[in-house]
Amino acid sequence: MSEIIVGLAVFISLLIAASFYRIFAGPTLYDRLLGVGAIGTHAVLLLALFGFMFSRLSGFLDLAITYAILNFVGVVAIAKFLDLDTADRREEAEAAAGMTAAVTPGESGPDGEKGP
């Protein structure tokens, strides 16, 4: 049984290495962010495996759950920051090009009229 757990730990470590490749070679920032999230997920799996291997599952699972929550909040915060940065750049580019924002149904336009 111990050999199976060690084999799984090695396999998960290889998945972490593949995620590091995604971080360093990812063509976009979002690919890199996905790599960071994947490493966090694999770290949670490793913590659960270590808890099972050392027969202290409850202590390691508490750490794994805490780490999973921190990983999720961190990735969402970074994604939100990147989205806001992209929205600011898009608004600046539209203003520089002389474009106006489209009026969606239910919103009022610049002259106070309702949209289509």
PDB file of N, CA and C in Angstrom:
ATOM      1  N   MET A   1       0.825  -1.199   0.000  1.00  0.00           N
ATOM      2  CA  MET A   1       0.000   0.000   0.000  1.00  0.00           C
ATOM      3  C   MET A   1       0.864   1.256   0.000  1.00  0.00           C
ATOM      4  N   SER A   2       1.980   1.187   0.705  1.00  0.00           N
ATOM      5  CA  SER A   2       2.870   2.338   0.780  1.00  0.00           C
ATOM      6  C   SER A   2       3.472   2.664  -0.585  1.00  0.00           C
ATOM      7  N   GLU A   3       3.736   1.620  -1.404  1.00  0.00           N
ATOM      8  CA  GLU A   3       4.304   1.856  -2.724  1.00  0.00           C
ATOM      9  C   GLU A   3       3.330   2.614  -3.619  1.00  0.00           C
ATOM     10  N   ILE A   4       2.056   2.325  -3.457  1.00  0.00           N
ATOM     11  CA  ILE A   4       1.034   3.015  -4.249  1.00  0.00           C
ATOM     12  C   ILE A   4       0.993   4.488  -3.878  1.00  0.00           C
ATOM     13  N   ILE A   5       1.060   4.785  -2.599  1.00  0.00           N
ATOM     14  CA  ILE A   5       1.014   6.174  -2.143  1.00  0.00           C
ATOM     15  C   ILE A   5       2.242   6.930  -2.628  1.00  0.00           C
ATOM     16  N   VAL A   6       3.414   6.296  -2.546  1.00  0.00           N
ATOM     17  CA  VAL A   6       4.639   6.943  -3.026  1.00  0.00           C
ATOM     18  C   VAL A   6       4.550   7.161  -4.538  1.00  0.00           C
ATOM     19  N   GLY A   7       4.007   6.197  -5.270  1.00  0.00           N
ATOM     20  CA  GLY A   7       3.829   6.349  -6.713  1.00  0.00           C
ATOM     21  C   GLY A   7       2.894   7.497  -7.058  1.00  0.00           C
ATOM     22  N   LEU A   8       1.809   7.624  -6.308  1.00  0.00           N
ATOM     23  CA  LEU A   8       0.893   8.748  -6.518  1.00  0.00           C
ATOM     24  C   LEU A   8       1.567  10.081  -6.213  1.00  0.00           C
ATOM     25  N   ALA A   9       2.380  10.104  -5.148  1.00  0.00           N
ATOM     26  CA  ALA A   9       3.091  11.341  -4.795  1.00  0.00           C
ATOM     27  C   ALA A   9       4.069  11.727  -5.905  1.00  0.00           C
ATOM     28  N   VAL A  10       4.751  10.762  -6.476  1.00  0.00           N
ATOM     29  CA  VAL A  10       5.677  11.050  -7.578  1.00  0.00           C
ATOM     30  C   VAL A  10       4.903  11.545  -8.798  1.00  0.00           C
ATOM     31  N   PHE A  11       3.763  10.918  -9.095  1.00  0.00           N
ATOM     32  CA  PHE A  11       2.944  11.345 -10.230  1.00  0.00           C
ATOM     33  C   PHE A  11       2.445  12.775 -10.035  1.00  0.00           C
ATOM     34  N   ILE A  12       1.992  13.099  -8.841  1.00  0.00           N
ATOM     35  CA  ILE A  12       1.520  14.458  -8.573  1.00  0.00           C
ATOM     36  C   ILE A  12       2.677  15.448  -8.662  1.00  0.00           C
ATOM     37  N   SER A  13       3.861  15.036  -8.239  1.00  0.00           N
ATOM     38  CA  SER A  13       5.032  15.908  -8.367  1.00  0.00           C
ATOM     39  C   SER A  13       5.344  16.179  -9.834  1.00  0.00           C
ATOM     40  N   LEU A  14       5.171  15.184 -10.696  1.00  0.00           N
ATOM     41  CA  LEU A  14       5.362  15.404 -12.130  1.00  0.00           C
ATOM     42  C   LEU A  14       4.312  16.363 -12.695  1.00  0.00           C
ATOM     43  N   LEU A  15       3.097  16.269 -12.180  1.00  0.00           N
ATOM     44  CA  LEU A  15       2.056  17.218 -12.599  1.00  0.00           C
ATOM     45  C   LEU A  15       2.395  18.639 -12.162  1.00  0.00           C
ATOM     46  N   ILE A  16       2.998  18.772 -10.988  1.00  0.00           N
ATOM     47  CA  ILE A  16       3.433  20.090 -10.523  1.00  0.00           C
ATOM     48  C   ILE A  16       4.523  20.630 -11.445  1.00  0.00           C
ATOM     49  N   ALA A  17       5.442  19.754 -11.863  1.00  0.00           N
ATOM     50  CA  ALA A  17       6.490  20.185 -12.793  1.00  0.00           C
ATOM     51  C   ALA A  17       5.886  20.647 -14.118  1.00  0.00           C
ATOM     52  N   ALA A  18       4.865  19.954 -14.595  1.00  0.00           N
ATOM     53  CA  ALA A  18       4.186  20.370 -15.826  1.00  0.00           C
ATOM     54  C   ALA A  18       3.493  21.723 -15.638  1.00  0.00           C
ATOM     55  N   SER A  19       2.974  21.955 -14.458  1.00  0.00           N
ATOM     56  CA  SER A  19       2.341  23.247 -14.185  1.00  0.00           C
ATOM     57  C   SER A  19       3.386  24.364 -14.135  1.00  0.00           C
ATOM     58  N   PHE A  20       4.576  24.059 -13.619  1.00  0.00           N
ATOM     59  CA  PHE A  20       5.657  25.048 -13.649  1.00  0.00           C
ATOM     60  C   PHE A  20       6.030  25.389 -15.093  1.00  0.00           C
ATOM     61  N   TYR A  21       6.009  24.391 -15.967  1.00  0.00           N
ATOM     62  CA  TYR A  21       6.260  24.670 -17.382  1.00  0.00           C
ATOM     63  C   TYR A  21       5.202  25.627 -17.921  1.00  0.00           C
ATOM     64  N   ARG A  22       3.944  25.419 -17.537  1.00  0.00           N
ATOM     65  CA  ARG A  22       2.862  26.305 -17.977  1.00  0.00           C
ATOM     66  C   ARG A  22       3.082  27.731 -17.472  1.00  0.00           C
ATOM     67  N   ILE A  23       3.615  27.863 -16.256  1.00  0.00           N
ATOM     68  CA  ILE A  23       3.862  29.194 -15.702  1.00  0.00           C
ATOM     69  C   ILE A  23       4.965  29.902 -16.484  1.00  0.00           C
ATOM     70  N   PHE A  24       6.065  29.209 -16.753  1.00  0.00           N
ATOM     71  CA  PHE A  24       7.202  29.859 -17.385  1.00  0.00           C
ATOM     72  C   PHE A  24       7.053  30.008 -18.898  1.00  0.00           C
ATOM     73  N   ALA A  25       6.337  29.110 -19.555  1.00  0.00           N
ATOM     74  CA  ALA A  25       6.227  29.161 -21.011  1.00  0.00           C
ATOM     75  C   ALA A  25       4.849  29.593 -21.489  1.00  0.00           C
ATOM     76  N   GLY A  26       3.945  29.880 -20.566  1.00  0.00           N
ATOM     77  CA  GLY A  26       2.587  30.244 -20.962  1.00  0.00           C
ATOM     78  C   GLY A  26       2.584  31.491 -21.821  1.00  0.00           C
ATOM     79  N   PRO A  27       1.891  31.456 -22.950  1.00  0.00           N
ATOM     80  CA  PRO A  27       1.924  32.619 -23.834  1.00  0.00           C
ATOM     81  C   PRO A  27       1.183  33.833 -23.262  1.00  0.00           C
ATOM     82  N   THR A  28       0.173  33.603 -22.432  1.00  0.00           N
ATOM     83  CA  THR A  28      -0.566  34.733 -21.873  1.00  0.00           C
ATOM     84  C   THR A  28      -0.494  34.704 -20.350  1.00  0.00           C
ATOM     85  N   LEU A  29      -0.870  35.813 -19.778  1.00  0.00           N
ATOM     86  CA  LEU A  29      -0.882  35.922 -18.323  1.00  0.00           C
ATOM     87  C   LEU A  29      -1.923  34.999 -17.705  1.00  0.00           C
ATOM     88  N   TYR A  30      -3.016  34.776 -18.412  1.00  0.00           N
ATOM     89  CA  TYR A  30      -4.065  33.902 -17.889  1.00  0.00           C
ATOM     90  C   TYR A  30      -3.621  32.437 -17.865  1.00  0.00           C
ATOM     91  N   ASP A  31      -2.796  32.035 -18.831  1.00  0.00           N
ATOM     92  CA  ASP A  31      -2.226  30.687 -18.792  1.00  0.00           C
ATOM     93  C   ASP A  31      -1.336  30.517 -17.572  1.00  0.00           C
ATOM     94  N   ARG A  32      -0.581  31.539 -17.269  1.00  0.00           N
ATOM     95  CA  ARG A  32       0.286  31.481 -16.086  1.00  0.00           C
ATOM     96  C   ARG A  32      -0.547  31.406 -14.806  1.00  0.00           C
ATOM     97  N   LEU A  33      -1.645  32.139 -14.783  1.00  0.00           N
ATOM     98  CA  LEU A  33      -2.528  32.100 -13.620  1.00  0.00           C
ATOM     99  C   LEU A  33      -3.157  30.715 -13.460  1.00  0.00           C
ATOM    100  N   LEU A  34      -3.505  30.074 -14.550  1.00  0.00           N
ATOM    101  CA  LEU A  34      -4.024  28.709 -14.484  1.00  0.00           C
ATOM    102  C   LEU A  34      -2.968  27.747 -13.951  1.00  0.00           C
ATOM    103  N   GLY A  35      -1.712  27.962 -14.330  1.00  0.00           N
ATOM    104  CA  GLY A  35      -0.625  27.129 -13.810  1.00  0.00           C
ATOM    105  C   GLY A  35      -0.467  27.275 -12.308  1.00  0.00           C
ATOM    106  N   VAL A  36      -0.586  28.499 -11.808  1.00  0.00           N
ATOM    107  CA  VAL A  36      -0.491  28.729 -10.357  1.00  0.00           C
ATOM    108  C   VAL A  36      -1.635  28.038  -9.632  1.00  0.00           C
ATOM    109  N   GLY A  37      -2.844  28.125 -10.182  1.00  0.00           N
ATOM    110  CA  GLY A  37      -3.984  27.446  -9.571  1.00  0.00           C
ATOM    111  C   GLY A  37      -3.827  25.941  -9.574  1.00  0.00           C
ATOM    112  N   ALA A  38      -3.268  25.402 -10.649  1.00  0.00           N
ATOM    113  CA  ALA A  38      -3.051  23.957 -10.723  1.00  0.00           C
ATOM    114  C   ALA A  38      -2.014  23.501  -9.701  1.00  0.00           C
ATOM    115  N   ILE A  39      -0.971  24.293  -9.500  1.00  0.00           N
ATOM    116  CA  ILE A  39       0.035  23.936  -8.492  1.00  0.00           C
ATOM    117  C   ILE A  39      -0.597  23.924  -7.101  1.00  0.00           C
ATOM    118  N   GLY A  40      -1.457  24.883  -6.828  1.00  0.00           N
ATOM    119  CA  GLY A  40      -2.149  24.894  -5.537  1.00  0.00           C
ATOM    120  C   GLY A  40      -3.022  23.670  -5.341  1.00  0.00           C
ATOM    121  N   THR A  41      -3.712  23.262  -6.400  1.00  0.00           N
ATOM    122  CA  THR A  41      -4.559  22.077  -6.315  1.00  0.00           C
ATOM    123  C   THR A  41      -3.730  20.823  -6.088  1.00  0.00           C
ATOM    124  N   HIS A  42      -2.623  20.719  -6.789  1.00  0.00           N
ATOM    125  CA  HIS A  42      -1.759  19.551  -6.617  1.00  0.00           C
ATOM    126  C   HIS A  42      -1.109  19.538  -5.233  1.00  0.00           C
ATOM    127  N   ALA A  43      -0.809  20.713  -4.691  1.00  0.00           N
ATOM    128  CA  ALA A  43      -0.248  20.770  -3.339  1.00  0.00           C
ATOM    129  C   ALA A  43      -1.264  20.268  -2.310  1.00  0.00           C
ATOM    130  N   VAL A  44      -2.533  20.582  -2.528  1.00  0.00           N
ATOM    131  CA  VAL A  44      -3.580  20.082  -1.633  1.00  0.00           C
ATOM    132  C   VAL A  44      -3.647  18.560  -1.704  1.00  0.00           C
ATOM    133  N   LEU A  45      -3.536  18.013  -2.903  1.00  0.00           N
ATOM    134  CA  LEU A  45      -3.525  16.554  -3.051  1.00  0.00           C
ATOM    135  C   LEU A  45      -2.321  15.927  -2.343  1.00  0.00           C
ATOM    136  N   LEU A  46      -1.167  16.552  -2.469  1.00  0.00           N
ATOM    137  CA  LEU A  46       0.019  16.035  -1.785  1.00  0.00           C
ATOM    138  C   LEU A  46      -0.142  16.072  -0.270  1.00  0.00           C
ATOM    139  N   LEU A  47      -0.722  17.147   0.250  1.00  0.00           N
ATOM    140  CA  LEU A  47      -0.954  17.216   1.696  1.00  0.00           C
ATOM    141  C   LEU A  47      -1.883  16.103   2.157  1.00  0.00           C
ATOM    142  N   ALA A  48      -2.926  15.829   1.388  1.00  0.00           N
ATOM    143  CA  ALA A  48      -3.839  14.741   1.757  1.00  0.00           C
ATOM    144  C   ALA A  48      -3.135  13.385   1.697  1.00  0.00           C
ATOM    145  N   LEU A  49      -2.293  13.185   0.691  1.00  0.00           N
ATOM    146  CA  LEU A  49      -1.539  11.933   0.606  1.00  0.00           C
ATOM    147  C   LEU A  49      -0.563  11.777   1.775  1.00  0.00           C
ATOM    148  N   PHE A  50       0.111  12.855   2.149  1.00  0.00           N
ATOM    149  CA  PHE A  50       1.034  12.781   3.281  1.00  0.00           C
ATOM    150  C   PHE A  50       0.289  12.463   4.572  1.00  0.00           C
ATOM    151  N   GLY A  51      -0.894  13.041   4.732  1.00  0.00           N
ATOM    152  CA  GLY A  51      -1.699  12.725   5.906  1.00  0.00           C
ATOM    153  C   GLY A  51      -2.085  11.262   5.953  1.00  0.00           C
ATOM    154  N   PHE A  52      -2.421  10.708   4.803  1.00  0.00           N
ATOM    155  CA  PHE A  52      -2.761   9.292   4.733  1.00  0.00           C
ATOM    156  C   PHE A  52      -1.533   8.419   4.991  1.00  0.00           C
ATOM    157  N   MET A  53      -0.383   8.859   4.464  1.00  0.00           N
ATOM    158  CA  MET A  53       0.839   8.073   4.605  1.00  0.00           C
ATOM    159  C   MET A  53       1.332   8.050   6.060  1.00  0.00           C
ATOM    160  N   PHE A  54       1.202   9.170   6.765  1.00  0.00           N
ATOM    161  CA  PHE A  54       1.679   9.249   8.141  1.00  0.00           C
ATOM    162  C   PHE A  54       0.594   8.942   9.172  1.00  0.00           C
ATOM    163  N   SER A  55      -0.560   8.507   8.723  1.00  0.00           N
ATOM    164  CA  SER A  55      -1.696   8.160   9.594  1.00  0.00           C
ATOM    165  C   SER A  55      -2.125   9.322  10.490  1.00  0.00           C
ATOM    166  N   ARG A  56      -2.031  10.524   9.981  1.00  0.00           N
ATOM    167  CA  ARG A  56      -2.493  11.716  10.690  1.00  0.00           C
ATOM    168  C   ARG A  56      -3.361  12.525   9.734  1.00  0.00           C
ATOM    169  N   LEU A  57      -4.370  11.865   9.223  1.00  0.00           N
ATOM    170  CA  LEU A  57      -5.189  12.435   8.159  1.00  0.00           C
ATOM    171  C   LEU A  57      -5.904  13.711   8.591  1.00  0.00           C
ATOM    172  N   SER A  58      -6.407  13.761   9.818  1.00  0.00           N
ATOM    173  CA  SER A  58      -7.189  14.930  10.243  1.00  0.00           C
ATOM    174  C   SER A  58      -6.337  16.197  10.282  1.00  0.00           C
ATOM    175  N   GLY A  59      -5.119  16.092  10.785  1.00  0.00           N
ATOM    176  CA  GLY A  59      -4.251  17.273  10.844  1.00  0.00           C
ATOM    177  C   GLY A  59      -3.843  17.768   9.472  1.00  0.00           C
ATOM    178  N   PHE A  60      -3.488  16.841   8.582  1.00  0.00           N
ATOM    179  CA  PHE A  60      -3.071  17.236   7.244  1.00  0.00           C
ATOM    180  C   PHE A  60      -4.244  17.723   6.415  1.00  0.00           C
ATOM    181  N   LEU A  61      -5.432  17.167   6.639  1.00  0.00           N
ATOM    182  CA  LEU A  61      -6.594  17.648   5.889  1.00  0.00           C
ATOM    183  C   LEU A  61      -6.984  19.061   6.306  1.00  0.00           C
ATOM    184  N   ASP A  62      -6.804  19.387   7.584  1.00  0.00           N
ATOM    185  CA  ASP A  62      -7.042  20.766   8.010  1.00  0.00           C
ATOM    186  C   ASP A  62      -6.109  21.723   7.282  1.00  0.00           C
ATOM    187  N   LEU A  63      -4.848  21.342   7.173  1.00  0.00           N
ATOM    188  CA  LEU A  63      -3.891  22.166   6.425  1.00  0.00           C
ATOM    189  C   LEU A  63      -4.255  22.232   4.948  1.00  0.00           C
ATOM    190  N   ALA A  64      -4.671  21.115   4.381  1.00  0.00           N
ATOM    191  CA  ALA A  64      -5.019  21.073   2.963  1.00  0.00           C
ATOM    192  C   ALA A  64      -6.221  21.960   2.663  1.00  0.00           C
ATOM    193  N   ILE A  65      -7.232  21.921   3.513  1.00  0.00           N
ATOM    194  CA  ILE A  65      -8.422  22.751   3.298  1.00  0.00           C
ATOM    195  C   ILE A  65      -8.078  24.227   3.431  1.00  0.00           C
ATOM    196  N   THR A  66      -7.270  24.557   4.426  1.00  0.00           N
ATOM    197  CA  THR A  66      -6.850  25.950   4.606  1.00  0.00           C
ATOM    198  C   THR A  66      -6.060  26.431   3.392  1.00  0.00           C
ATOM    199  N   TYR A  67      -5.144  25.596   2.932  1.00  0.00           N
ATOM    200  CA  TYR A  67      -4.349  25.979   1.762  1.00  0.00           C
ATOM    201  C   TYR A  67      -5.220  26.110   0.521  1.00  0.00           C
ATOM    202  N   ALA A  68      -6.219  25.248   0.371  1.00  0.00           N
ATOM    203  CA  ALA A  68      -7.114  25.323  -0.785  1.00  0.00           C
ATOM    204  C   ALA A  68      -7.915  26.625  -0.768  1.00  0.00           C
ATOM    205  N   ILE A  69      -8.379  27.020   0.399  1.00  0.00           N
ATOM    206  CA  ILE A  69      -9.133  28.272   0.499  1.00  0.00           C
ATOM    207  C   ILE A  69      -8.240  29.462   0.166  1.00  0.00           C
ATOM    208  N   LEU A  70      -7.019  29.489   0.718  1.00  0.00           N
ATOM    209  CA  LEU A  70      -6.092  30.577   0.426  1.00  0.00           C
ATOM    210  C   LEU A  70      -5.722  30.606  -1.054  1.00  0.00           C
ATOM    211  N   ASN A  71      -5.524  29.446  -1.645  1.00  0.00           N
ATOM    212  CA  ASN A  71      -5.199  29.371  -3.073  1.00  0.00           C
ATOM    213  C   ASN A  71      -6.350  29.917  -3.909  1.00  0.00           C
ATOM    214  N   PHE A  72      -7.569  29.523  -3.587  1.00  0.00           N
ATOM    215  CA  PHE A  72      -8.731  29.991  -4.340  1.00  0.00           C
ATOM    216  C   PHE A  72      -8.886  31.504  -4.229  1.00  0.00           C
ATOM    217  N   VAL A  73      -8.802  32.028  -3.014  1.00  0.00           N
ATOM    218  CA  VAL A  73      -8.969  33.464  -2.816  1.00  0.00           C
ATOM    219  C   VAL A  73      -7.856  34.233  -3.538  1.00  0.00           C
ATOM    220  N   GLY A  74      -6.632  33.717  -3.477  1.00  0.00           N
ATOM    221  CA  GLY A  74      -5.521  34.383  -4.148  1.00  0.00           C
ATOM    222  C   GLY A  74      -5.677  34.415  -5.651  1.00  0.00           C
ATOM    223  N   VAL A  75      -6.072  33.303  -6.245  1.00  0.00           N
ATOM    224  CA  VAL A  75      -6.239  33.249  -7.697  1.00  0.00           C
ATOM    225  C   VAL A  75      -7.392  34.146  -8.133  1.00  0.00           C
ATOM    226  N   VAL A  76      -8.483  34.161  -7.391  1.00  0.00           N
ATOM    227  CA  VAL A  76      -9.614  35.021  -7.738  1.00  0.00           C
ATOM    228  C   VAL A  76      -9.223  36.491  -7.605  1.00  0.00           C
ATOM    229  N   ALA A  77      -8.465  36.840  -6.573  1.00  0.00           N
ATOM    230  CA  ALA A  77      -8.031  38.226  -6.392  1.00  0.00           C
ATOM    231  C   ALA A  77      -7.126  38.671  -7.536  1.00  0.00           C
ATOM    232  N   ILE A  78      -6.204  37.823  -7.932  1.00  0.00           N
ATOM    233  CA  ILE A  78      -5.313  38.177  -9.042  1.00  0.00           C
ATOM    234  C   ILE A  78      -6.096  38.289 -10.342  1.00  0.00           C
ATOM    235  N   ALA A  79      -7.024  37.373 -10.573  1.00  0.00           N
ATOM    236  CA  ALA A  79      -7.842  37.436 -11.791  1.00  0.00           C
ATOM    237  C   ALA A  79      -8.690  38.705 -11.816  1.00  0.00           C
ATOM    238  N   LYS A  80      -9.242  39.086 -10.684  1.00  0.00           N
ATOM    239  CA  LYS A  80     -10.040  40.314 -10.616  1.00  0.00           C
ATOM    240  C   LYS A  80      -9.157  41.536 -10.883  1.00  0.00           C
ATOM    241  N   PHE A  81      -7.960  41.540 -10.317  1.00  0.00           N
ATOM    242  CA  PHE A  81      -7.034  42.646 -10.562  1.00  0.00           C
ATOM    243  C   PHE A  81      -6.674  42.736 -12.038  1.00  0.00           C
ATOM    244  N   LEU A  82      -6.414  41.603 -12.664  1.00  0.00           N
ATOM    245  CA  LEU A  82      -6.079  41.605 -14.087  1.00  0.00           C
ATOM    246  C   LEU A  82      -7.264  42.054 -14.929  1.00  0.00           C
ATOM    247  N   ASP A  83      -8.477  41.668 -14.539  1.00  0.00           N
ATOM    248  CA  ASP A  83      -9.667  42.077 -15.274  1.00  0.00           C
ATOM    249  C   ASP A  83      -9.876  43.582 -15.168  1.00  0.00           C
ATOM    250  N   LEU A  84      -9.678  44.153 -13.979  1.00  0.00           N
ATOM    251  CA  LEU A  84      -9.823  45.597 -13.816  1.00  0.00           C
ATOM    252  C   LEU A  84      -8.776  46.339 -14.628  1.00  0.00           C
ATOM    253  N   ASP A  85      -7.543  45.819 -14.644  1.00  0.00           N
ATOM    254  CA  ASP A  85      -6.480  46.448 -15.408  1.00  0.00           C
ATOM    255  C   ASP A  85      -6.808  46.416 -16.895  1.00  0.00           C
ATOM    256  N   THR A  86      -7.350  45.318 -17.379  1.00  0.00           N
ATOM    257  CA  THR A  86      -7.722  45.194 -18.785  1.00  0.00           C
ATOM    258  C   THR A  86      -8.873  46.136 -19.122  1.00  0.00           C
ATOM    259  N   ALA A  87      -9.839  46.260 -18.220  1.00  0.00           N
ATOM    260  CA  ALA A  87     -10.972  47.153 -18.457  1.00  0.00           C
ATOM    261  C   ALA A  87     -10.505  48.609 -18.516  1.00  0.00           C
ATOM    262  N   ASP A  88      -9.569  48.994 -17.643  1.00  0.00           N
ATOM    263  CA  ASP A  88      -9.043  50.354 -17.674  1.00  0.00           C
ATOM    264  C   ASP A  88      -8.318  50.627 -18.986  1.00  0.00           C
ATOM    265  N   ARG A  89      -7.523  49.670 -19.434  1.00  0.00           N
ATOM    266  CA  ARG A  89      -6.811  49.848 -20.707  1.00  0.00           C
ATOM    267  C   ARG A  89      -7.787  49.938 -21.873  1.00  0.00           C
ATOM    268  N   ARG A  90      -8.844  49.134 -21.834  1.00  0.00           N
ATOM    269  CA  ARG A  90      -9.828  49.151 -22.904  1.00  0.00           C
ATOM    270  C   ARG A  90     -10.536  50.508 -22.951  1.00  0.00           C
ATOM    271  N   GLU A  91     -10.900  51.048 -21.786  1.00  0.00           N
ATOM    272  CA  GLU A  91     -11.562  52.358 -21.750  1.00  0.00           C
ATOM    273  C   GLU A  91     -10.632  53.453 -22.248  1.00  0.00           C
ATOM    274  N   GLU A  92      -9.342  53.384 -21.869  1.00  0.00           N
ATOM    275  CA  GLU A  92      -8.388  54.383 -22.345  1.00  0.00           C
ATOM    276  C   GLU A  92      -8.219  54.300 -23.857  1.00  0.00           C
ATOM    277  N   ALA A  93      -8.166  53.093 -24.401  1.00  0.00           N
ATOM    278  CA  ALA A  93      -8.013  52.921 -25.847  1.00  0.00           C
ATOM    279  C   ALA A  93      -9.240  53.416 -26.589  1.00  0.00           C
ATOM    280  N   GLU A  94     -10.425  53.149 -26.037  1.00  0.00           N
ATOM    281  CA  GLU A  94     -11.643  53.630 -26.675  1.00  0.00           C
ATOM    282  C   GLU A  94     -11.717  55.144 -26.635  1.00  0.00           C
ATOM    283  N   ALA A  95     -11.305  55.747 -25.524  1.00  0.00           N
ATOM    284  CA  ALA A  95     -11.322  57.207 -25.418  1.00  0.00           C
ATOM    285  C   ALA A  95     -10.318  57.825 -26.386  1.00  0.00           C
ATOM    286  N   ALA A  96      -9.159  57.195 -26.532  1.00  0.00           N
ATOM    287  CA  ALA A  96      -8.145  57.717 -27.440  1.00  0.00           C
ATOM    288  C   ALA A  96      -8.588  57.597 -28.894  1.00  0.00           C
ATOM    289  N   ALA A  97      -9.355  56.562 -29.202  1.00  0.00           N
ATOM    290  CA  ALA A  97      -9.815  56.361 -30.568  1.00  0.00           C
ATOM    291  C   ALA A  97     -11.088  57.142 -30.877  1.00  0.00           C
ATOM    292  N   GLY A  98     -11.663  57.794 -29.876  1.00  0.00           N
ATOM    293  CA  GLY A  98     -12.876  58.572 -30.086  1.00  0.00           C
ATOM    294  C   GLY A  98     -14.130  57.744 -30.102  1.00  0.00           C
ATOM    295  N   MET A  99     -14.054  56.504 -29.601  1.00  0.00           N
ATOM    296  CA  MET A  99     -15.229  55.639 -29.567  1.00  0.00           C
ATOM    297  C   MET A  99     -16.061  55.976 -28.339  1.00  0.00           C
ATOM    298  N   THR A 100     -17.356  55.739 -28.455  1.00  0.00           N
ATOM    299  CA  THR A 100     -18.223  55.908 -27.291  1.00  0.00           C
ATOM    300  C   THR A 100     -18.738  54.541 -26.891  1.00  0.00           C
ATOM    301  N   ALA A 101     -19.093  54.416 -25.634  1.00  0.00           N
ATOM    302  CA  ALA A 101     -19.618  53.144 -25.141  1.00  0.00           C
ATOM    303  C   ALA A 101     -20.994  52.902 -25.728  1.00  0.00           C
ATOM    304  N   ALA A 102     -21.273  51.673 -26.077  1.00  0.00           N
ATOM    305  CA  ALA A 102     -22.579  51.316 -26.628  1.00  0.00           C
ATOM    306  C   ALA A 102     -23.626  51.369 -25.530  1.00  0.00           C
ATOM    307  N   VAL A 103     -24.838  51.736 -25.896  1.00  0.00           N
ATOM    308  CA  VAL A 103     -25.940  51.796 -24.944  1.00  0.00           C
ATOM    309  C   VAL A 103     -26.683  50.479 -25.026  1.00  0.00           C
ATOM    310  N   THR A 104     -26.793  49.799 -23.902  1.00  0.00           N
ATOM    311  CA  THR A 104     -27.530  48.546 -23.863  1.00  0.00           C
ATOM    312  C   THR A 104     -28.982  48.820 -23.543  1.00  0.00           C
ATOM    313  N   PRO A 105     -29.869  47.897 -23.862  1.00  0.00           N
ATOM    314  CA  PRO A 105     -31.293  48.118 -23.581  1.00  0.00           C
ATOM    315  C   PRO A 105     -31.527  48.374 -22.102  1.00  0.00           C
ATOM    316  N   GLY A 106     -32.294  49.419 -21.830  1.00  0.00           N
ATOM    317  CA  GLY A 106     -32.630  49.739 -20.446  1.00  0.00           C
ATOM    318  C   GLY A 106     -31.742  50.822 -19.855  1.00  0.00           C
ATOM    319  N   GLU A 107     -30.604  51.101 -20.464  1.00  0.00           N
ATOM    320  CA  GLU A 107     -29.729  52.157 -19.974  1.00  0.00           C
ATOM    321  C   GLU A 107     -30.019  53.431 -20.746  1.00  0.00           C
ATOM    322  N   SER A 108     -29.710  54.544 -20.128  1.00  0.00           N
ATOM    323  CA  SER A 108     -29.912  55.802 -20.830  1.00  0.00           C
ATOM    324  C   SER A 108     -28.616  56.221 -21.495  1.00  0.00           C
ATOM    325  N   GLY A 109     -28.754  56.814 -22.663  1.00  0.00           N
ATOM    326  CA  GLY A 109     -27.602  57.274 -23.421  1.00  0.00           C
ATOM    327  C   GLY A 109     -27.133  58.608 -22.919  1.00  0.00           C
ATOM    328  N   PRO A 110     -26.186  59.236 -23.627  1.00  0.00           N
ATOM    329  CA  PRO A 110     -25.647  60.520 -23.192  1.00  0.00           C
ATOM    330  C   PRO A 110     -26.663  61.649 -23.226  1.00  0.00           C
ATOM    331  N   ASP A 111     -27.694  61.539 -24.092  1.00  0.00           N
ATOM    332  CA  ASP A 111     -28.695  62.594 -24.163  1.00  0.00           C
ATOM    333  C   ASP A 111     -29.936  62.264 -23.332  1.00  0.00           C
ATOM    334  N   GLY A 112     -29.889  61.213 -22.526  1.00  0.00           N
ATOM    335  CA  GLY A 112     -30.977  60.870 -21.634  1.00  0.00           C
ATOM    336  C   GLY A 112     -32.013  59.944 -22.236  1.00  0.00           C
ATOM    337  N   GLU A 113     -31.858  59.570 -23.522  1.00  0.00           N
ATOM    338  CA  GLU A 113     -32.824  58.662 -24.143  1.00  0.00           C
ATOM    339  C   GLU A 113     -32.531  57.228 -23.752  1.00  0.00           C
ATOM    340  N   LYS A 114     -33.582  56.435 -23.710  1.00  0.00           N
ATOM    341  CA  LYS A 114     -33.435  55.019 -23.437  1.00  0.00           C
ATOM    342  C   LYS A 114     -32.884  54.318 -24.669  1.00  0.00           C
ATOM    343  N   GLY A 115     -32.183  53.217 -24.395  1.00  0.00           N
ATOM    344  CA  GLY A 115     -31.638  52.412 -25.488  1.00  0.00           C
ATOM    345  C   GLY A 115     -32.735  51.645 -26.192  1.00  0.00           C
ATOM    346  N   PRO A 116     -32.396  50.947 -27.306  1.00  0.00           N
ATOM    347  CA  PRO A 116     -33.409  50.236 -28.110  1.00  0.00           C
ATOM    348  C   PRO A 116     -34.112  49.164 -27.348  1.00  0.00           C
TER     349      PRO A 116
END
